[in-house]
PDB file of N, CA and C in Angstrom:
ATOM      1  N   MET A   1     117.920  16.301-148.132  1.00  0.00           N
ATOM      2  CA  MET A   1     117.661  16.026-146.738  1.00  0.00           C
ATOM      3  C   MET A   1     118.971  16.217-145.975  1.00  0.00           C
ATOM      4  N   SER A   2     118.858  16.878-144.854  1.00  0.00           N
ATOM      5  CA  SER A   2     120.054  17.129-144.061  1.00  0.00           C
ATOM      6  C   SER A   2     120.422  15.900-143.230  1.00  0.00           C
ATOM      7  N   TYR A   3     121.627  15.935-142.727  1.00  0.00           N
ATOM      8  CA  TYR A   3     122.101  14.860-141.862  1.00  0.00           C
ATOM      9  C   TYR A   3     121.198  14.735-140.639  1.00  0.00           C
ATOM     10  N   THR A   4     120.838  15.870-140.053  1.00  0.00           N
ATOM     11  CA  THR A   4     119.992  15.865-138.857  1.00  0.00           C
ATOM     12  C   THR A   4     118.628  15.265-139.153  1.00  0.00           C
ATOM     13  N   GLN A   5     118.044  15.612-140.306  1.00  0.00           N
ATOM     14  CA  GLN A   5     116.749  15.032-140.685  1.00  0.00           C
ATOM     15  C   GLN A   5     116.874  13.517-140.853  1.00  0.00           C
ATOM     16  N   ALA A   6     117.959  13.081-141.450  1.00  0.00           N
ATOM     17  CA  ALA A   6     118.166  11.643-141.639  1.00  0.00           C
ATOM     18  C   ALA A   6     118.265  10.933-140.292  1.00  0.00           C
ATOM     19  N   ILE A   7     118.958  11.543-139.343  1.00  0.00           N
ATOM     20  CA  ILE A   7     119.074  10.951-138.006  1.00  0.00           C
ATOM     21  C   ILE A   7     117.701  10.860-137.350  1.00  0.00           C
ATOM     22  N   ILE A   8     116.896  11.911-137.490  1.00  0.00           N
ATOM     23  CA  ILE A   8     115.542  11.902-136.924  1.00  0.00           C
ATOM     24  C   ILE A   8     114.736  10.769-137.547  1.00  0.00           C
ATOM     25  N   LEU A   9     114.821  10.622-138.867  1.00  0.00           N
ATOM     26  CA  LEU A   9     114.071   9.569-139.551  1.00  0.00           C
ATOM     27  C   LEU A   9     114.538   8.174-139.142  1.00  0.00           C
ATOM     28  N   LEU A  10     115.802   8.041-138.797  1.00  0.00           N
ATOM     29  CA  LEU A  10     116.296   6.742-138.338  1.00  0.00           C
ATOM     30  C   LEU A  10     115.684   6.359-136.992  1.00  0.00           C
ATOM     31  N   GLY A  11     115.139   7.340-136.287  1.00  0.00           N
ATOM     32  CA  GLY A  11     114.453   7.064-135.032  1.00  0.00           C
ATOM     33  C   GLY A  11     113.081   6.456-135.229  1.00  0.00           C
ATOM     34  N   ILE A  12     112.604   6.470-136.466  1.00  0.00           N
ATOM     35  CA  ILE A  12     111.303   5.882-136.795  1.00  0.00           C
ATOM     36  C   ILE A  12     111.540   4.422-137.166  1.00  0.00           C
ATOM     37  N   PRO A  13     110.737   3.510-136.628  1.00  0.00           N
ATOM     38  CA  PRO A  13     110.924   2.092-136.963  1.00  0.00           C
ATOM     39  C   PRO A  13     110.961   1.876-138.484  1.00  0.00           C
ATOM     40  N   GLU A  14     111.834   1.016-138.919  1.00  0.00           N
ATOM     41  CA  GLU A  14     112.057   0.796-140.354  1.00  0.00           C
ATOM     42  C   GLU A  14     110.773   0.482-141.107  1.00  0.00           C
ATOM     43  N   GLU A  15     109.907  -0.345-140.502  1.00  0.00           N
ATOM     44  CA  GLU A  15     108.677  -0.738-141.190  1.00  0.00           C
ATOM     45  C   GLU A  15     107.702   0.430-141.350  1.00  0.00           C
ATOM     46  N   GLU A  16     107.890   1.508-140.596  1.00  0.00           N
ATOM     47  CA  GLU A  16     107.005   2.673-140.688  1.00  0.00           C
ATOM     48  C   GLU A  16     107.626   3.820-141.484  1.00  0.00           C
ATOM     49  N   ARG A  17     108.921   3.766-141.690  1.00  0.00           N
ATOM     50  CA  ARG A  17     109.655   4.893-142.268  1.00  0.00           C
ATOM     51  C   ARG A  17     109.164   5.274-143.660  1.00  0.00           C
ATOM     52  N   GLU A  18     108.950   4.302-144.523  1.00  0.00           N
ATOM     53  CA  GLU A  18     108.541   4.600-145.896  1.00  0.00           C
ATOM     54  C   GLU A  18     107.196   5.311-145.929  1.00  0.00           C
ATOM     55  N   SER A  19     106.238   4.817-145.166  1.00  0.00           N
ATOM     56  CA  SER A  19     104.925   5.470-145.152  1.00  0.00           C
ATOM     57  C   SER A  19     105.016   6.844-144.505  1.00  0.00           C
ATOM     58  N   PHE A  20     105.884   6.998-143.498  1.00  0.00           N
ATOM     59  CA  PHE A  20     106.062   8.300-142.859  1.00  0.00           C
ATOM     60  C   PHE A  20     106.582   9.313-143.869  1.00  0.00           C
ATOM     61  N   VAL A  21     107.571   8.908-144.654  1.00  0.00           N
ATOM     62  CA  VAL A  21     108.140   9.798-145.666  1.00  0.00           C
ATOM     63  C   VAL A  21     107.089  10.141-146.712  1.00  0.00           C
ATOM     64  N   ALA A  22     106.276   9.159-147.110  1.00  0.00           N
ATOM     65  CA  ALA A  22     105.246   9.394-148.125  1.00  0.00           C
ATOM     66  C   ALA A  22     104.151  10.321-147.609  1.00  0.00           C
ATOM     67  N   GLU A  23     103.814  10.215-146.330  1.00  0.00           N
ATOM     68  CA  GLU A  23     102.715  11.001-145.765  1.00  0.00           C
ATOM     69  C   GLU A  23     103.138  12.391-145.310  1.00  0.00           C
ATOM     70  N   ASN A  24     104.421  12.615-145.115  1.00  0.00           N
ATOM     71  CA  ASN A  24     104.906  13.888-144.590  1.00  0.00           C
ATOM     72  C   ASN A  24     105.971  14.469-145.500  1.00  0.00           C
ATOM     73  N   ASP A  25     106.038  15.763-145.527  1.00  0.00           N
ATOM     74  CA  ASP A  25     107.021  16.457-146.352  1.00  0.00           C
ATOM     75  C   ASP A  25     108.356  16.469-145.622  1.00  0.00           C
ATOM     76  N   VAL A  26     109.115  15.402-145.799  1.00  0.00           N
ATOM     77  CA  VAL A  26     110.376  15.308-145.079  1.00  0.00           C
ATOM     78  C   VAL A  26     111.430  16.245-145.638  1.00  0.00           C
ATOM     79  N   ALA A  27     111.155  16.834-146.777  1.00  0.00           N
ATOM     80  CA  ALA A  27     112.064  17.839-147.307  1.00  0.00           C
ATOM     81  C   ALA A  27     111.861  19.169-146.587  1.00  0.00           C
ATOM     82  N   ALA A  28     110.857  19.233-145.733  1.00  0.00           N
ATOM     83  CA  ALA A  28     110.606  20.448-144.959  1.00  0.00           C
ATOM     84  C   ALA A  28     111.782  20.683-144.022  1.00  0.00           C
ATOM     85  N   ASN A  29     111.755  21.819-143.369  1.00  0.00           N
ATOM     86  CA  ASN A  29     112.881  22.121-142.488  1.00  0.00           C
ATOM     87  C   ASN A  29     112.943  21.152-141.312  1.00  0.00           C
ATOM     88  N   GLN A  30     114.076  21.144-140.664  1.00  0.00           N
ATOM     89  CA  GLN A  30     114.324  20.210-139.567  1.00  0.00           C
ATOM     90  C   GLN A  30     113.294  20.366-138.456  1.00  0.00           C
ATOM     91  N   GLY A  31     112.890  21.584-138.165  1.00  0.00           N
ATOM     92  CA  GLY A  31     111.904  21.828-137.112  1.00  0.00           C
ATOM     93  C   GLY A  31     110.586  21.143-137.403  1.00  0.00           C
ATOM     94  N   ALA A  32     110.166  21.164-138.672  1.00  0.00           N
ATOM     95  CA  ALA A  32     108.898  20.533-139.051  1.00  0.00           C
ATOM     96  C   ALA A  32     108.974  19.020-138.881  1.00  0.00           C
ATOM     97  N   VAL A  33     110.077  18.433-139.290  1.00  0.00           N
ATOM     98  CA  VAL A  33     110.240  16.981-139.157  1.00  0.00           C
ATOM     99  C   VAL A  33     110.281  16.596-137.680  1.00  0.00           C
ATOM    100  N   THR A  34     110.991  17.373-136.886  1.00  0.00           N
ATOM    101  CA  THR A  34     111.057  17.112-135.448  1.00  0.00           C
ATOM    102  C   THR A  34     109.679  17.226-134.820  1.00  0.00           C
ATOM    103  N   LYS A  35     108.921  18.249-135.220  1.00  0.00           N
ATOM    104  CA  LYS A  35     107.574  18.451-134.674  1.00  0.00           C
ATOM    105  C   LYS A  35     106.669  17.272-135.033  1.00  0.00           C
ATOM    106  N   ILE A  36     106.729  16.836-136.282  1.00  0.00           N
ATOM    107  CA  ILE A  36     105.884  15.724-136.730  1.00  0.00           C
ATOM    108  C   ILE A  36     106.211  14.454-135.947  1.00  0.00           C
ATOM    109  N   THR A  37     107.492  14.163-135.784  1.00  0.00           N
ATOM    110  CA  THR A  37     107.859  12.947-135.059  1.00  0.00           C
ATOM    111  C   THR A  37     107.498  13.058-133.578  1.00  0.00           C
ATOM    112  N   SER A  38     107.628  14.250-133.013  1.00  0.00           N
ATOM    113  CA  SER A  38     107.243  14.447-131.608  1.00  0.00           C
ATOM    114  C   SER A  38     105.748  14.257-131.421  1.00  0.00           C
ATOM    115  N   GLU A  39     104.959  14.806-132.352  1.00  0.00           N
ATOM    116  CA  GLU A  39     103.505  14.642-132.281  1.00  0.00           C
ATOM    117  C   GLU A  39     103.132  13.165-132.380  1.00  0.00           C
ATOM    118  N   ARG A  40     103.795  12.448-133.275  1.00  0.00           N
ATOM    119  CA  ARG A  40     103.532  11.017-133.419  1.00  0.00           C
ATOM    120  C   ARG A  40     103.850  10.271-132.126  1.00  0.00           C
ATOM    121  N   ASP A  41     104.982  10.611-131.529  1.00  0.00           N
ATOM    122  CA  ASP A  41     105.373   9.955-130.283  1.00  0.00           C
ATOM    123  C   ASP A  41     104.389  10.260-129.155  1.00  0.00           C
ATOM    124  N   GLU A  42     103.920  11.498-129.075  1.00  0.00           N
ATOM    125  CA  GLU A  42     102.945  11.873-128.047  1.00  0.00           C
ATOM    126  C   GLU A  42     101.630  11.115-128.239  1.00  0.00           C
ATOM    127  N   LEU A  43     101.193  10.992-129.479  1.00  0.00           N
ATOM    128  CA  LEU A  43      99.962  10.243-129.752  1.00  0.00           C
ATOM    129  C   LEU A  43     100.118   8.775-129.366  1.00  0.00           C
ATOM    130  N   ARG A  44     101.285   8.213-129.608  1.00  0.00           N
ATOM    131  CA  ARG A  44     101.532   6.821-129.218  1.00  0.00           C
ATOM    132  C   ARG A  44     101.500   6.663-127.700  1.00  0.00           C
ATOM    133  N   LYS A  45     102.093   7.635-126.992  1.00  0.00           N
ATOM    134  CA  LYS A  45     102.065   7.583-125.528  1.00  0.00           C
ATOM    135  C   LYS A  45     100.632   7.679-125.020  1.00  0.00           C
ATOM    136  N   GLU A  46      99.865   8.581-125.630  1.00  0.00           N
ATOM    137  CA  GLU A  46      98.466   8.741-125.230  1.00  0.00           C
ATOM    138  C   GLU A  46      97.686   7.448-125.480  1.00  0.00           C
ATOM    139  N   ALA A  47      97.899   6.848-126.647  1.00  0.00           N
ATOM    140  CA  ALA A  47      97.209   5.597-126.973  1.00  0.00           C
ATOM    141  C   ALA A  47      97.607   4.493-125.995  1.00  0.00           C
ATOM    142  N   SER A  48      98.869   4.439-125.644  1.00  0.00           N
ATOM    143  CA  SER A  48      99.339   3.436-124.695  1.00  0.00           C
ATOM    144  C   SER A  48      98.697   3.648-123.329  1.00  0.00           C
ATOM    145  N   GLY A  49      98.587   4.904-122.913  1.00  0.00           N
ATOM    146  CA  GLY A  49      97.940   5.214-121.642  1.00  0.00           C
ATOM    147  C   GLY A  49      96.477   4.832-121.645  1.00  0.00           C
ATOM    148  N   LEU A  50      95.820   5.073-122.766  1.00  0.00           N
ATOM    149  CA  LEU A  50      94.408   4.699-122.880  1.00  0.00           C
ATOM    150  C   LEU A  50      94.239   3.185-122.840  1.00  0.00           C
ATOM    151  N   GLN A  51      95.146   2.466-123.489  1.00  0.00           N
ATOM    152  CA  GLN A  51      95.089   1.002-123.448  1.00  0.00           C
ATOM    153  C   GLN A  51      95.279   0.504-122.017  1.00  0.00           C
ATOM    154  N   ALA A  52      96.190   1.133-121.285  1.00  0.00           N
ATOM    155  CA  ALA A  52      96.416   0.742-119.892  1.00  0.00           C
ATOM    156  C   ALA A  52      95.177   1.019-119.050  1.00  0.00           C
ATOM    157  N   ALA A  53      94.520   2.156-119.297  1.00  0.00           N
ATOM    158  CA  ALA A  53      93.302   2.496-118.554  1.00  0.00           C
ATOM    159  C   ALA A  53      92.192   1.494-118.852  1.00  0.00           C
ATOM    160  N   ILE A  54      92.076   1.098-120.104  1.00  0.00           N
ATOM    161  CA  ILE A  54      91.069   0.096-120.484  1.00  0.00           C
ATOM    162  C   ILE A  54      91.355  -1.217-119.760  1.00  0.00           C
ATOM    163  N   HIS A  55      92.608  -1.620-119.754  1.00  0.00           N
ATOM    164  CA  HIS A  55      92.989  -2.864-119.077  1.00  0.00           C
ATOM    165  C   HIS A  55      92.636  -2.795-117.588  1.00  0.00           C
ATOM    166  N   THR A  56      92.920  -1.659-116.961  1.00  0.00           N
ATOM    167  CA  THR A  56      92.601  -1.485-115.541  1.00  0.00           C
ATOM    168  C   THR A  56      91.106  -1.587-115.304  1.00  0.00           C
ATOM    169  N   GLU A  57      90.331  -0.923-116.148  1.00  0.00           N
ATOM    170  CA  GLU A  57      88.872  -0.966-116.003  1.00  0.00           C
ATOM    171  C   GLU A  57      88.337  -2.380-116.213  1.00  0.00           C
ATOM    172  N   GLU A  58      88.881  -3.091-117.192  1.00  0.00           N
ATOM    173  CA  GLU A  58      88.450  -4.471-117.428  1.00  0.00           C
ATOM    174  C   GLU A  58      88.769  -5.353-116.222  1.00  0.00           C
ATOM    175  N   SER A  59      89.933  -5.143-115.628  1.00  0.00           N
ATOM    176  CA  SER A  59      90.304  -5.911-114.435  1.00  0.00           C
ATOM    177  C   SER A  59      89.373  -5.598-113.275  1.00  0.00           C
ATOM    178  N   THR A  60      89.018  -4.336-113.130  1.00  0.00           N
ATOM    179  CA  THR A  60      88.094  -3.930-112.067  1.00  0.00           C
ATOM    180  C   THR A  60      86.734  -4.583-112.264  1.00  0.00           C
ATOM    181  N   ILE A  61      86.259  -4.596-113.485  1.00  0.00           N
ATOM    182  CA  ILE A  61      84.964  -5.219-113.793  1.00  0.00           C
ATOM    183  C   ILE A  61      85.009  -6.711-113.467  1.00  0.00           C
ATOM    184  N   LYS A  62      86.096  -7.378-113.850  1.00  0.00           N
ATOM    185  CA  LYS A  62      86.228  -8.812-113.551  1.00  0.00           C
ATOM    186  C   LYS A  62      86.216  -9.056-112.047  1.00  0.00           C
ATOM    187  N   THR A  63      86.893  -8.193-111.308  1.00  0.00           N
ATOM    188  CA  THR A  63      86.913  -8.331-109.848  1.00  0.00           C
ATOM    189  C   THR A  63      85.519  -8.170-109.278  1.00  0.00           C
ATOM    190  N   TYR A  64      84.789  -7.153-109.723  1.00  0.00           N
ATOM    191  CA  TYR A  64      83.415  -6.952-109.254  1.00  0.00           C
ATOM    192  C   TYR A  64      82.535  -8.150-109.598  1.00  0.00           C
ATOM    193  N   ARG A  65      82.696  -8.673-110.777  1.00  0.00           N
ATOM    194  CA  ARG A  65      81.887  -9.830-111.184  1.00  0.00           C
ATOM    195  C   ARG A  65      82.176 -11.032-110.294  1.00  0.00           C
ATOM    196  N   ARG A  66      83.455 -11.258-110.007  1.00  0.00           N
ATOM    197  CA  ARG A  66      83.818 -12.381-109.135  1.00  0.00           C
ATOM    198  C   ARG A  66      83.245 -12.179-107.732  1.00  0.00           C
ATOM    199  N   ASN A  67      83.379 -10.970-107.229  1.00  0.00           N
ATOM    200  CA  ASN A  67      82.911 -10.690-105.867  1.00  0.00           C
ATOM    201  C   ASN A  67      81.392 -10.718-105.750  1.00  0.00           C
ATOM    202  N   TRP A  68      80.724 -10.308-106.787  1.00  0.00           N
ATOM    203  CA  TRP A  68      79.259 -10.240-106.744  1.00  0.00           C
ATOM    204  C   TRP A  68      78.613 -11.372-107.524  1.00  0.00           C
ATOM    205  N   MET A  69      79.443 -12.212-108.140  1.00  0.00           N
ATOM    206  CA  MET A  69      78.977 -13.363-108.917  1.00  0.00           C
ATOM    207  C   MET A  69      77.959 -12.960-109.976  1.00  0.00           C
ATOM    208  N   LEU A  70      78.288 -11.898-110.688  1.00  0.00           N
ATOM    209  CA  LEU A  70      77.420 -11.443-111.771  1.00  0.00           C
ATOM    210  C   LEU A  70      77.723 -12.261-113.020  1.00  0.00           C
ATOM    211  N   PRO A  71      76.716 -12.478-113.856  1.00  0.00           N
ATOM    212  CA  PRO A  71      76.972 -13.220-115.102  1.00  0.00           C
ATOM    213  C   PRO A  71      77.889 -12.419-116.021  1.00  0.00           C
ATOM    214  N   ARG A  72      78.681 -13.124-116.767  1.00  0.00           N
ATOM    215  CA  ARG A  72      79.582 -12.465-117.726  1.00  0.00           C
ATOM    216  C   ARG A  72      78.814 -12.097-118.974  1.00  0.00           C
ATOM    217  N   GLU A  73      79.259 -11.011-119.595  1.00  0.00           N
ATOM    218  CA  GLU A  73      78.599 -10.567-120.837  1.00  0.00           C
ATOM    219  C   GLU A  73      79.347 -11.068-122.029  1.00  0.00           C
TER     220      GLU A  73
END
């Protein structure tokens, strides 16, 4: 493993690093490791955005229920 690959892997939280190494060919070239970590980060951002959207929708529903006094489900 190159120095650069090791630095990239240090960017992964310690509790996830072992499983990341087991699931991915970290002996692959630096570009592959960078791509894998970038894809993981993008998926996390997407998931975070979806969670925020869900929270917003839930808040909107609660507001409508309060305003219209609808029974809660």
